[in-house]
């Protein structure tokens, strides 16, 4: 049934169906976690270990995803890839990592995170809180955050950020995983 685009609430409600909490197998060995937070997280099964692409916005969100990823594969995480510097992609890394996990990002991602982690983080949090409606709940009108189901941030949430161990400044990087 077509969505009535003149009704923004109906549009958001219909759009919300895309954020049902689930893990979708995109291809054999590639799994995408949707609905665990604002961003998605991806598990790529390698021969000797797994790769995680983006780690969500908090330790709490990442723990939830990790439990479900562990049901798919018990191989160790050998690499984490940050697609970019936004907090909903980097603040869950410690949950997935072990002492030998490499963390990859573009060199600019590391540069931006180094400059902004403490200096502007409170400002960007306030902007994101308003932008993604974290002060709202279902009773006060929160339907979804537009690009994801919700930004899982509360005062009690903890960051689980790991600085990249390896950066790339070109267009590609080959990994032997």
Protein backbone atom coordinates (compact mmCIF):
# COMPACT_ATOMS: atom_id res chain seq x y z
CA UNK A 1 0.00 0.00 0.00
CA UNK A 2 1.49 3.38 -0.96
CA UNK A 3 2.47 5.75 1.84
CA UNK A 4 0.64 9.06 2.06
CA UNK A 5 3.60 11.45 1.96
CA UNK A 6 1.40 14.37 2.98
CA UNK A 7 1.14 12.85 6.48
CA UNK A 8 4.59 12.98 8.15
CA UNK A 9 3.53 10.76 11.06
CA UNK A 10 2.32 8.05 8.68
CA UNK A 11 5.62 8.32 6.78
CA UNK A 12 7.66 7.91 9.96
CA UNK A 13 5.55 4.98 11.13
CA UNK A 14 5.98 3.23 7.77
CA UNK A 15 9.71 4.06 7.75
CA UNK A 16 10.00 2.54 11.24
CA UNK A 17 9.45 -0.93 9.76
CA UNK A 18 12.94 -0.72 8.25
CA UNK A 19 14.45 -0.54 11.74
CA UNK A 20 13.04 -3.75 13.18
CA UNK A 21 15.77 -5.18 15.42
CA UNK A 22 17.31 -8.02 13.44
CA UNK A 23 20.41 -9.41 11.83
CA UNK A 24 20.12 -9.77 8.09
CA UNK A 25 22.43 -12.11 6.20
CA UNK A 26 23.29 -10.02 3.16
CA UNK A 27 25.42 -12.74 1.59
CA UNK A 28 26.86 -15.91 3.09
CA UNK A 29 29.35 -14.71 5.73
CA UNK A 30 28.17 -11.07 5.71
CA UNK A 31 25.62 -10.06 8.34
CA UNK A 32 24.13 -6.64 9.09
CA UNK A 33 22.70 -5.76 12.52
CA UNK A 34 19.81 -3.30 12.21
CA UNK A 35 17.74 -1.70 14.96
CA UNK A 36 20.26 -2.00 17.79
CA UNK A 37 20.94 1.73 17.80
CA UNK A 38 21.22 4.60 15.37
CA UNK A 39 23.72 3.02 12.96
CA UNK A 40 24.12 -0.50 11.66
CA UNK A 41 26.98 -2.85 12.49
CA UNK A 42 28.29 -5.47 10.09
CA UNK A 43 29.91 -8.85 10.76
CA UNK A 44 32.13 -10.24 8.01
CA UNK A 45 33.22 -13.81 8.59
CA UNK A 46 36.80 -14.46 7.50
CA UNK A 47 38.69 -17.75 7.33
CA UNK A 48 40.66 -17.16 10.53
CA UNK A 49 38.61 -14.47 12.22
CA UNK A 50 35.87 -11.92 11.90
CA UNK A 51 35.78 -8.29 10.86
CA UNK A 52 33.34 -5.83 12.41
CA UNK A 53 32.40 -2.74 10.42
CA UNK A 54 31.19 0.05 12.72
CA UNK A 55 30.55 -0.61 16.40
CA UNK A 56 27.55 1.58 17.36
CA UNK A 57 27.25 4.48 19.82
CA UNK A 58 27.94 2.93 23.22
CA UNK A 59 29.22 -0.07 25.11
CA UNK A 60 25.60 -0.99 25.88
CA UNK A 61 24.50 -1.04 22.21
CA UNK A 62 27.60 -2.97 21.18
CA UNK A 63 27.09 -5.61 23.89
CA UNK A 64 23.61 -6.27 22.56
CA UNK A 65 24.90 -6.72 18.99
CA UNK A 66 27.86 -8.83 20.07
CA UNK A 67 25.60 -11.36 21.80
CA UNK A 68 23.73 -11.89 18.55
CA UNK A 69 26.86 -11.88 16.35
CA UNK A 70 28.39 -14.52 18.66
CA UNK A 71 25.44 -16.80 17.84
CA UNK A 72 26.50 -16.60 14.18
CA UNK A 73 30.27 -17.01 14.59
CA UNK A 74 32.53 -17.67 17.56
CA UNK A 75 35.72 -16.78 15.66
CA UNK A 76 37.78 -13.98 17.21
CA UNK A 77 37.45 -10.44 15.88
CA UNK A 78 40.69 -9.75 14.06
CA UNK A 79 39.76 -6.34 12.69
CA UNK A 80 37.38 -3.46 13.26
CA UNK A 81 36.77 -0.91 10.53
CA UNK A 82 35.44 2.56 11.25
CA UNK A 83 33.70 3.90 8.15
CA UNK A 84 33.86 7.44 9.55
CA UNK A 85 34.23 9.46 12.74
CA UNK A 86 30.65 9.76 14.00
CA UNK A 87 30.09 8.51 17.53
CA UNK A 88 27.38 6.05 16.47
CA UNK A 89 30.07 4.20 14.49
CA UNK A 90 33.03 4.14 16.93
CA UNK A 91 31.95 4.09 20.60
CA UNK A 92 31.37 0.33 20.93
CA UNK A 93 34.71 -1.04 19.70
CA UNK A 94 36.14 -2.36 22.99
CA UNK A 95 33.21 -4.77 23.27
CA UNK A 96 34.20 -6.60 20.07
CA UNK A 97 37.99 -6.38 20.39
CA UNK A 98 40.57 -8.61 21.98
CA UNK A 99 44.26 -7.90 22.62
CA UNK A 100 45.25 -8.58 18.99
CA UNK A 101 42.37 -6.87 17.16
CA UNK A 102 43.47 -4.24 14.65
CA UNK A 103 41.31 -1.13 14.29
CA UNK A 104 41.31 0.48 10.85
CA UNK A 105 40.14 3.90 9.76
CA UNK A 106 40.90 6.58 7.26
CA UNK A 107 43.66 8.90 8.48
CA UNK A 108 41.19 11.82 8.52
CA UNK A 109 38.89 9.84 10.84
CA UNK A 110 41.68 9.51 13.39
CA UNK A 111 42.64 13.16 12.96
CA UNK A 112 39.06 14.33 13.51
CA UNK A 113 38.50 12.03 16.50
CA UNK A 114 41.77 13.16 18.11
CA UNK A 115 40.75 16.81 17.76
CA UNK A 116 37.12 16.50 18.74
CA UNK A 117 36.87 13.65 21.24
CA UNK A 118 36.90 15.88 24.32
CA UNK A 119 36.92 19.40 22.93
CA UNK A 120 33.63 19.47 21.03
CA UNK A 121 32.03 16.21 22.12
CA UNK A 122 29.63 17.92 24.57
CA UNK A 123 28.52 20.30 21.82
CA UNK A 124 28.03 17.56 19.23
CA UNK A 125 26.16 15.48 21.81
CA UNK A 126 23.68 18.31 22.43
CA UNK A 127 23.18 18.74 18.70
CA UNK A 128 22.67 15.00 18.19
CA UNK A 129 20.31 14.80 21.17
CA UNK A 130 18.06 17.37 19.57
CA UNK A 131 18.51 16.07 16.04
CA UNK A 132 17.71 12.44 16.92
CA UNK A 133 15.18 13.07 19.70
CA UNK A 134 16.89 11.23 22.55
CA UNK A 135 14.89 13.16 25.13
CA UNK A 136 11.68 11.80 23.62
CA UNK A 137 10.17 8.40 24.25
CA UNK A 138 7.18 6.63 22.75
CA UNK A 139 4.84 8.41 25.18
CA UNK A 140 6.22 11.84 24.24
CA UNK A 141 6.28 11.25 20.50
CA UNK A 142 9.49 9.45 19.48
CA UNK A 143 8.86 7.22 16.48
CA UNK A 144 12.39 6.80 15.11
CA UNK A 145 15.44 8.94 14.42
CA UNK A 146 15.08 9.01 10.66
CA UNK A 147 18.32 7.18 9.88
CA UNK A 148 17.93 4.53 12.58
CA UNK A 149 15.58 3.38 15.26
CA UNK A 150 17.12 5.40 18.10
CA UNK A 151 20.36 6.91 19.37
CA UNK A 152 21.15 4.75 22.38
CA UNK A 153 22.60 7.41 24.59
CA UNK A 154 21.84 7.91 28.23
CA UNK A 155 23.91 9.64 30.90
CA UNK A 156 24.83 6.19 32.26
CA UNK A 157 26.02 4.78 28.91
CA UNK A 158 29.75 4.24 28.55
CA UNK A 159 32.06 4.83 25.63
CA UNK A 160 33.99 1.81 24.42
CA UNK A 161 36.15 3.65 21.89
CA UNK A 162 39.46 2.28 20.64
CA UNK A 163 41.83 4.49 18.70
CA UNK A 164 42.68 3.14 15.26
CA UNK A 165 45.84 1.03 15.17
CA UNK A 166 46.16 1.41 11.40
CA UNK A 167 45.06 4.17 9.09
CA UNK A 168 44.80 4.48 5.35
CA UNK A 169 45.07 7.73 3.44
CA UNK A 170 44.56 6.34 -0.05
CA UNK A 171 41.47 4.83 -1.60
CA UNK A 172 41.91 1.20 -0.55
CA UNK A 173 43.66 -1.22 1.80
CA UNK A 174 44.05 -4.95 1.34
CA UNK A 175 43.74 -7.09 4.45
CA UNK A 176 44.74 -10.75 4.67
CA UNK A 177 41.94 -12.02 6.89
